[in-house]
């Protein structure tokens, strides 16, 4: 009689088969994710607070050096909704003032710890949202100094996101106070953040791929493996060719990139547009600067609608802030009186909280 072979350790063969299949499946998924052009394109994810995050990107050197006129976001959470929500429950360190909660603090260590100590319940999220406002002018990992003061008027919306109405950062390094006030300019589809004299806080790309978007939620250097610039914008927003170009390919590595287009500009720069809802240009097409080539979406490895815009020259990734000219807009003259009244109101809220410390 032939005796059946006993499996090792007495375990059934079926169990070994299931374990083998599981290992194979995990290997395939890991390989597929590793091929992504944008492996961390989850734009809705809150950026990690300064202590634990990758070094946040600053403005281009020329912009940083510019004195007065001048995003971790406003991040995705900041501009998530313009409709009023329920005010967050006040804490001992953050008294409720009207519909807003005000949190203030003095920097002793990192920005993250400053907010955690000021508001243990909401501090991590607030640090992420607040830091995105001032990443254009300061490296918030290196440039904060002991004794810098942070102030923010905020609320938590019904969907759990955080909206900042006003924020100030008193910087010893710069020798001045950075300000950011939420305001929707005449003609704009979305609110943005503006300095008290009416200059926009974030930089915008000149001749960029989008005319209209809620905010920049990720810069090239925000995360170690992120290769582009992310723009939070609703599905279906027109994407334009920034330069005259030839379409070289579309929809490669679809599981990670979703619908996507690759263009070669006339100077040889390769431009990639990921997570699209639809493509309106195809390989071999010649497109002109300003032509609509696609619509934004939420496809591939993406957890919220946005556009990932990536530039390459040879084997080198190029920062869009360096490749494009950048600008900071000014509020329309007709907005200034109402905006200044709003600034005064928010400054009074922040001042009241400081007086109560």
Protein backbone atom coordinates (compact mmCIF):
# COMPACT_ATOMS: atom_id res chain seq x y z
CA UNK A 1 0.00 0.00 0.00
CA UNK A 2 1.25 3.42 -0.92
CA UNK A 3 1.18 5.71 2.07
CA UNK A 4 0.16 9.35 1.38
CA UNK A 5 2.92 11.90 2.03
CA UNK A 6 2.16 13.97 5.09
CA UNK A 7 2.50 17.74 4.53
CA UNK A 8 5.22 19.54 6.56
CA UNK A 9 4.26 20.39 10.12
CA UNK A 10 1.04 18.47 9.64
CA UNK A 11 -0.69 21.42 7.92
CA UNK A 12 -3.22 20.72 5.14
CA UNK A 13 -2.16 21.21 1.51
CA UNK A 14 -5.11 23.60 0.97
CA UNK A 15 -3.66 26.05 3.49
CA UNK A 16 -0.28 26.03 1.69
CA UNK A 17 -2.05 26.71 -1.59
CA UNK A 18 -3.96 29.68 -0.18
CA UNK A 19 -0.78 31.17 1.35
CA UNK A 20 1.06 30.81 -1.96
CA UNK A 21 -1.72 32.55 -3.90
CA UNK A 22 -1.79 35.40 -1.39
CA UNK A 23 1.97 35.95 -1.68
CA UNK A 24 1.77 35.97 -5.48
CA UNK A 25 -1.09 38.48 -5.50
CA UNK A 26 0.74 40.84 -3.12
CA UNK A 27 3.85 40.69 -5.30
CA UNK A 28 1.86 41.64 -8.41
CA UNK A 29 0.16 44.56 -6.65
CA UNK A 30 3.46 45.83 -5.26
CA UNK A 31 5.10 45.69 -8.71
CA UNK A 32 2.18 47.53 -10.31
CA UNK A 33 2.26 50.32 -7.71
CA UNK A 34 6.01 50.64 -8.01
CA UNK A 35 5.61 51.43 -11.73
CA UNK A 36 3.43 54.48 -11.07
CA UNK A 37 4.57 57.87 -12.32
CA UNK A 38 2.78 59.37 -9.32
CA UNK A 39 3.04 56.76 -6.53
CA UNK A 40 1.65 59.09 -3.88
CA UNK A 41 -1.03 60.93 -5.79
CA UNK A 42 -3.62 60.76 -3.02
CA UNK A 43 -4.21 64.48 -3.04
CA UNK A 44 -6.91 64.38 -0.37
CA UNK A 45 -4.45 63.04 2.17
CA UNK A 46 -3.45 65.66 4.72
CA UNK A 47 0.28 66.44 4.51
CA UNK A 48 2.19 65.15 7.50
CA UNK A 49 2.98 67.73 10.15
CA UNK A 50 6.40 69.30 9.91
CA UNK A 51 8.22 66.93 12.26
CA UNK A 52 7.41 63.83 10.26
CA UNK A 53 6.91 65.08 6.72
CA UNK A 54 9.25 65.26 3.79
CA UNK A 55 10.79 68.68 3.48
CA UNK A 56 8.14 71.03 2.10
CA UNK A 57 8.97 72.88 -1.07
CA UNK A 58 9.47 76.61 -0.99
CA UNK A 59 9.05 79.20 -3.69
CA UNK A 60 11.69 79.52 -6.40
CA UNK A 61 14.88 81.26 -5.26
CA UNK A 62 14.01 84.48 -7.03
CA UNK A 63 10.63 84.53 -5.36
CA UNK A 64 11.95 83.75 -1.90
CA UNK A 65 14.47 86.54 -2.15
CA UNK A 66 11.78 89.04 -3.06
CA UNK A 67 10.88 90.98 0.08
CA UNK A 68 7.35 92.08 0.73
CA UNK A 69 5.03 90.72 -1.97
CA UNK A 70 5.43 88.25 -1.46
CA UNK A 71 0.05 75.95 0.12
CA UNK A 72 1.63 71.70 4.43
CA UNK A 73 -2.53 72.75 2.09
CA UNK A 74 -4.31 76.10 1.61
CA UNK A 75 -4.08 72.07 1.45
CA UNK A 76 -6.86 69.99 0.03
CA UNK A 77 -8.81 70.44 3.22
CA UNK A 78 -8.64 74.22 3.29
CA UNK A 79 -10.50 74.91 0.09
CA UNK A 80 -12.61 71.80 0.32
CA UNK A 81 -15.87 73.72 0.65
CA UNK A 82 -17.02 77.31 0.60
CA UNK A 83 -20.28 76.58 2.37
CA UNK A 84 -20.48 77.20 6.13
CA UNK A 85 -20.28 74.20 8.41
CA UNK A 86 -20.57 73.50 12.06
CA UNK A 87 -17.88 75.16 14.16
CA UNK A 88 -15.48 72.77 15.85
CA UNK A 89 -15.93 72.21 19.54
CA UNK A 90 -13.83 74.80 21.42
CA UNK A 91 -10.92 73.64 23.53
CA UNK A 92 -9.24 75.27 26.49
CA UNK A 93 -6.46 76.54 24.24
CA UNK A 94 -8.79 77.60 21.42
CA UNK A 95 -11.70 79.80 22.49
CA UNK A 96 -14.68 79.95 20.11
CA UNK A 97 -15.22 83.40 18.61
CA UNK A 98 -18.40 83.63 16.57
CA UNK A 99 -18.43 80.84 14.00
CA UNK A 100 -14.67 80.39 14.17
CA UNK A 101 -12.24 78.82 16.61
CA UNK A 102 -8.97 80.68 17.18
CA UNK A 103 -5.77 78.84 18.03
CA UNK A 104 -2.53 80.63 18.89
CA UNK A 105 0.86 79.42 19.97
CA UNK A 106 4.53 80.21 20.40
CA UNK A 107 7.05 78.03 18.57
CA UNK A 108 9.43 76.18 20.87
CA UNK A 109 10.16 73.10 18.75
CA UNK A 110 8.47 72.20 15.44
CA UNK A 111 5.30 73.64 13.96
CA UNK A 112 3.57 70.31 14.48
CA UNK A 113 4.38 70.24 18.20
CA UNK A 114 3.35 73.87 18.56
CA UNK A 115 -0.15 73.08 17.31
CA UNK A 116 -0.33 69.79 19.22
CA UNK A 117 0.37 71.61 22.46
CA UNK A 118 -2.09 74.39 21.65
CA UNK A 119 -4.90 71.99 20.66
CA UNK A 120 -4.25 68.29 21.31
CA UNK A 121 -7.45 67.21 19.55
CA UNK A 122 -7.08 69.15 16.30
CA UNK A 123 -3.41 70.13 16.36
CA UNK A 124 -2.07 67.67 13.80
CA UNK A 125 -4.67 68.58 11.19
CA UNK A 126 -4.30 72.29 11.87
CA UNK A 127 -0.52 72.14 11.47
CA UNK A 128 -0.91 70.47 8.09
CA UNK A 129 -3.50 72.94 6.84
CA UNK A 130 -1.76 76.01 8.27
CA UNK A 131 1.67 75.14 6.96
CA UNK A 132 0.41 74.92 3.39
CA UNK A 133 -0.37 78.63 3.47
CA UNK A 134 3.18 79.75 4.19
CA UNK A 135 5.23 77.13 2.36
CA UNK A 136 5.68 79.62 -0.50
CA UNK A 137 7.81 81.98 1.62
CA UNK A 138 9.43 79.83 4.29
CA UNK A 139 10.97 76.40 4.64
CA UNK A 140 8.91 75.46 7.66
CA UNK A 141 11.36 72.77 8.75
CA UNK A 142 14.40 75.05 8.76
CA UNK A 143 13.25 78.64 8.96
CA UNK A 144 11.04 78.58 12.06
CA UNK A 145 12.74 80.00 15.13
CA UNK A 146 11.99 79.74 18.81
CA UNK A 147 9.64 82.54 19.75
CA UNK A 148 7.85 82.75 16.38
CA UNK A 149 4.11 83.23 16.89
CA UNK A 150 1.33 81.38 15.04
CA UNK A 151 -2.31 82.45 14.92
CA UNK A 152 -5.18 80.89 13.02
CA UNK A 153 -8.98 81.27 12.86
CA UNK A 154 -10.50 77.99 11.68
CA UNK A 155 -13.46 75.66 11.77
CA UNK A 156 -14.10 72.01 11.07
CA UNK A 157 -16.69 71.43 8.37
CA UNK A 158 -19.44 68.84 8.48
CA UNK A 159 -17.43 66.58 6.17
CA UNK A 160 -14.51 66.61 8.61
CA UNK A 161 -12.25 68.93 6.62
CA UNK A 162 -10.74 72.08 8.06
CA UNK A 163 -11.26 75.59 6.70
CA UNK A 164 -8.97 78.45 7.65
CA UNK A 165 -10.43 81.97 7.52
CA UNK A 166 -7.29 83.83 8.54
CA UNK A 167 -3.76 83.01 9.63
CA UNK A 168 -0.66 84.92 10.69
CA UNK A 169 2.92 83.85 11.24
CA UNK A 170 5.27 86.25 13.03
CA UNK A 171 8.67 85.21 11.66
CA UNK A 172 11.93 86.27 13.30
CA UNK A 173 13.89 85.05 10.25
CA UNK A 174 11.98 87.30 7.86
CA UNK A 175 11.58 90.09 10.38
CA UNK A 176 7.92 90.50 9.45
CA UNK A 177 4.52 88.90 9.75
CA UNK A 178 3.15 86.65 7.01
CA UNK A 179 -0.63 86.87 6.60
CA UNK A 180 -3.26 84.85 4.75
CA UNK A 181 -6.97 85.69 4.50
CA UNK A 182 -9.51 83.58 2.67
CA UNK A 183 -11.34 85.57 -0.01
CA UNK A 184 -13.06 84.81 -3.31
CA UNK A 185 -12.00 87.46 -5.81
CA UNK A 186 -14.46 88.81 -8.32
CA UNK A 187 -14.40 86.55 -11.38
CA UNK A 188 -12.79 83.62 -9.57
CA UNK A 189 -14.58 80.29 -9.26
CA UNK A 190 -12.94 79.43 -5.95
CA UNK A 191 -11.69 81.30 -2.87
CA UNK A 192 -7.96 81.76 -2.49
CA UNK A 193 -5.69 83.24 0.20
CA UNK A 194 -4.50 86.83 0.10
CA UNK A 195 -2.04 88.90 2.08
CA UNK A 196 -3.45 91.85 3.95
CA UNK A 197 -2.42 94.33 1.24
CA UNK A 198 -4.22 92.31 -1.46
CA UNK A 199 -1.41 90.16 -2.92
CA UNK A 200 -2.25 86.48 -3.42
CA UNK A 201 -0.38 84.10 -1.09
CA UNK A 202 0.32 81.16 -3.46
CA UNK A 203 2.27 81.53 -6.66
CA UNK A 204 0.59 80.63 -9.95
CA UNK A 205 2.25 79.19 -13.03
CA UNK A 206 2.26 81.54 -16.00
CA UNK A 207 0.72 79.59 -18.92
CA UNK A 208 0.10 76.60 -16.67
CA UNK A 209 -2.16 73.65 -17.58
CA UNK A 210 -5.20 74.97 -15.67
CA UNK A 211 -6.89 78.34 -15.77
CA UNK A 212 -9.02 77.59 -12.73
CA UNK A 213 -8.41 75.36 -9.70
CA UNK A 214 -9.08 75.35 -5.98
CA UNK A 215 -5.49 75.16 -4.81
CA UNK A 216 -2.07 73.60 -5.20
CA UNK A 217 -2.04 70.64 -2.84
CA UNK A 218 1.44 69.30 -3.48
CA UNK A 219 4.70 70.73 -4.73
CA UNK A 220 7.52 68.73 -6.24
CA UNK A 221 9.58 68.50 -3.04
CA UNK A 222 6.75 67.86 -0.61
CA UNK A 223 7.19 64.09 -0.66
CA UNK A 224 10.34 62.13 -1.51
CA UNK A 225 8.86 60.06 -4.35
CA UNK A 226 6.37 62.56 -5.71
CA UNK A 227 7.53 63.84 -9.08
CA UNK A 228 5.09 66.60 -9.91
CA UNK A 229 2.76 69.38 -8.89
CA UNK A 230 -0.84 68.58 -7.86
CA UNK A 231 -3.81 70.87 -8.42
CA UNK A 232 -7.08 70.24 -6.58
CA UNK A 233 -9.93 70.84 -9.00
CA UNK A 234 -13.33 69.29 -9.79
CA UNK A 235 -13.68 66.48 -12.31
CA UNK A 236 -14.09 67.83 -15.83
CA UNK A 237 -11.94 70.98 -15.51
CA UNK A 238 -10.32 71.74 -18.91
CA UNK A 239 -6.61 70.93 -19.13
CA UNK A 240 -4.66 73.05 -21.61
CA UNK A 241 -1.36 72.47 -23.36
CA UNK A 242 1.08 74.97 -21.80
CA UNK A 243 3.32 74.91 -24.91
CA UNK A 244 3.18 73.86 -28.55
CA UNK A 245 3.74 70.12 -28.44
CA UNK A 246 3.30 66.67 -29.94
CA UNK A 247 1.28 64.03 -28.05
CA UNK A 248 3.63 61.06 -27.59
CA UNK A 249 1.50 58.55 -25.65
CA UNK A 250 -1.61 58.09 -23.53
CA UNK A 251 -2.98 55.82 -20.80
CA UNK A 252 0.24 53.99 -19.91
CA UNK A 253 0.41 52.25 -16.50
CA UNK A 254 -3.30 52.87 -16.25
CA UNK A 255 -3.78 51.22 -12.84
CA UNK A 256 -1.56 53.84 -11.23
CA UNK A 257 -1.88 56.85 -13.54
CA UNK A 258 -5.46 56.48 -14.73
CA UNK A 259 -6.28 58.28 -17.96
CA UNK A 260 -3.12 60.19 -18.82
CA UNK A 261 -1.37 62.07 -21.60
CA UNK A 262 2.27 62.67 -22.39
CA UNK A 263 3.38 65.64 -24.50
CA UNK A 264 6.77 66.61 -25.88
CA UNK A 265 7.22 70.38 -25.93
CA UNK A 266 9.20 72.00 -28.74
CA UNK A 267 12.23 72.41 -26.45
CA UNK A 268 12.28 68.65 -25.79
CA UNK A 269 10.68 68.79 -22.33
CA UNK A 270 8.33 65.88 -21.60
CA UNK A 271 5.08 66.83 -19.85
CA UNK A 272 2.81 64.29 -18.17
CA UNK A 273 -0.81 64.88 -17.16
CA UNK A 274 -2.25 62.17 -14.87
CA UNK A 275 -5.60 61.07 -13.38
CA UNK A 276 -7.71 62.54 -16.20
CA UNK A 277 -11.39 61.82 -16.75
CA UNK A 278 -11.05 61.97 -20.54
CA UNK A 279 -8.44 62.68 -23.19
CA UNK A 280 -9.18 65.09 -26.01
CA UNK A 281 -5.85 64.63 -27.80
CA UNK A 282 -4.13 61.41 -28.83
CA UNK A 283 -0.67 60.13 -29.83
CA UNK A 284 0.59 61.80 -32.98
CA UNK A 285 -1.57 64.91 -32.58
CA UNK A 286 0.13 68.29 -32.77
CA UNK A 287 -1.34 70.69 -30.21
CA UNK A 288 -0.86 74.42 -29.73
CA UNK A 289 -0.34 76.35 -26.51
CA UNK A 290 -3.68 76.98 -24.83
CA UNK A 291 -5.50 74.15 -26.64
CA UNK A 292 -7.71 71.95 -24.45
CA UNK A 293 -6.17 68.48 -24.45
CA UNK A 294 -8.06 66.72 -21.64
CA UNK A 295 -10.40 67.01 -18.66
CA UNK A 296 -9.32 66.52 -15.05
CA UNK A 297 -10.52 63.47 -13.17
CA UNK A 298 -9.96 61.07 -10.29
CA UNK A 299 -8.68 57.95 -12.05
CA UNK A 300 -5.85 55.58 -11.19
CA UNK A 301 -4.21 55.80 -7.75
CA UNK A 302 -6.02 58.97 -6.74
CA UNK A 303 -8.31 59.54 -3.78
CA UNK A 304 -9.70 62.93 -4.76
CA UNK A 305 -10.18 64.85 -8.02
CA UNK A 306 -6.97 66.58 -9.07
CA UNK A 307 -4.42 67.02 -11.84
CA UNK A 308 -0.86 65.76 -11.47
CA UNK A 309 1.46 67.79 -13.73
CA UNK A 310 4.99 66.43 -14.21
CA UNK A 311 7.93 67.71 -16.27
CA UNK A 312 11.09 65.86 -17.33
CA UNK A 313 14.20 66.68 -19.34
CA UNK A 314 16.14 63.54 -20.15
CA UNK A 315 16.31 61.56 -16.92
CA UNK A 316 15.87 64.67 -14.76
CA UNK A 317 12.57 65.71 -13.18
CA UNK A 318 12.01 69.46 -13.56
CA UNK A 319 10.15 71.60 -11.03
CA UNK A 320 7.24 73.38 -12.75
CA UNK A 321 7.95 76.42 -10.55
CA UNK A 322 11.38 76.67 -12.19
CA UNK A 323 10.26 75.82 -15.73
CA UNK A 324 7.33 78.21 -15.87
CA UNK A 325 7.41 81.82 -14.86
CA UNK A 326 5.43 82.37 -11.65
CA UNK A 327 3.28 85.25 -10.53
CA UNK A 328 1.25 86.48 -7.60
CA UNK A 329 -1.98 88.18 -8.54
CA UNK A 330 -3.40 91.34 -7.01
CA UNK A 331 -7.01 91.61 -5.88
CA UNK A 332 -9.22 93.64 -8.25
CA UNK A 333 -9.51 97.26 -7.13
CA UNK A 334 -13.25 96.81 -6.71
CA UNK A 335 -12.70 94.09 -4.09
CA UNK A 336 -10.31 95.99 -1.86
CA UNK A 337 -12.76 97.88 0.38
CA UNK A 338 -14.78 94.77 1.24
CA UNK A 339 -11.61 92.69 1.61
CA UNK A 340 -10.02 95.21 4.00
CA UNK A 341 -13.18 95.19 6.11
CA UNK A 342 -12.94 91.40 6.31
CA UNK A 343 -9.26 91.61 7.24
CA UNK A 344 -10.10 94.01 10.08
CA UNK A 345 -12.78 91.62 11.35
CA UNK A 346 -10.44 88.64 11.38
CA UNK A 347 -7.60 90.63 12.93
CA UNK A 348 -9.97 91.58 15.74
CA UNK A 349 -10.76 87.88 16.31
CA UNK A 350 -7.10 86.96 16.40
CA UNK A 351 -6.27 89.90 18.66
CA UNK A 352 -9.03 88.96 21.08
CA UNK A 353 -7.63 85.44 21.38
CA UNK A 354 -4.11 86.74 21.95
CA UNK A 355 -5.35 89.08 24.69
CA UNK A 356 -7.00 86.16 26.46
CA UNK A 357 -3.82 84.02 26.62
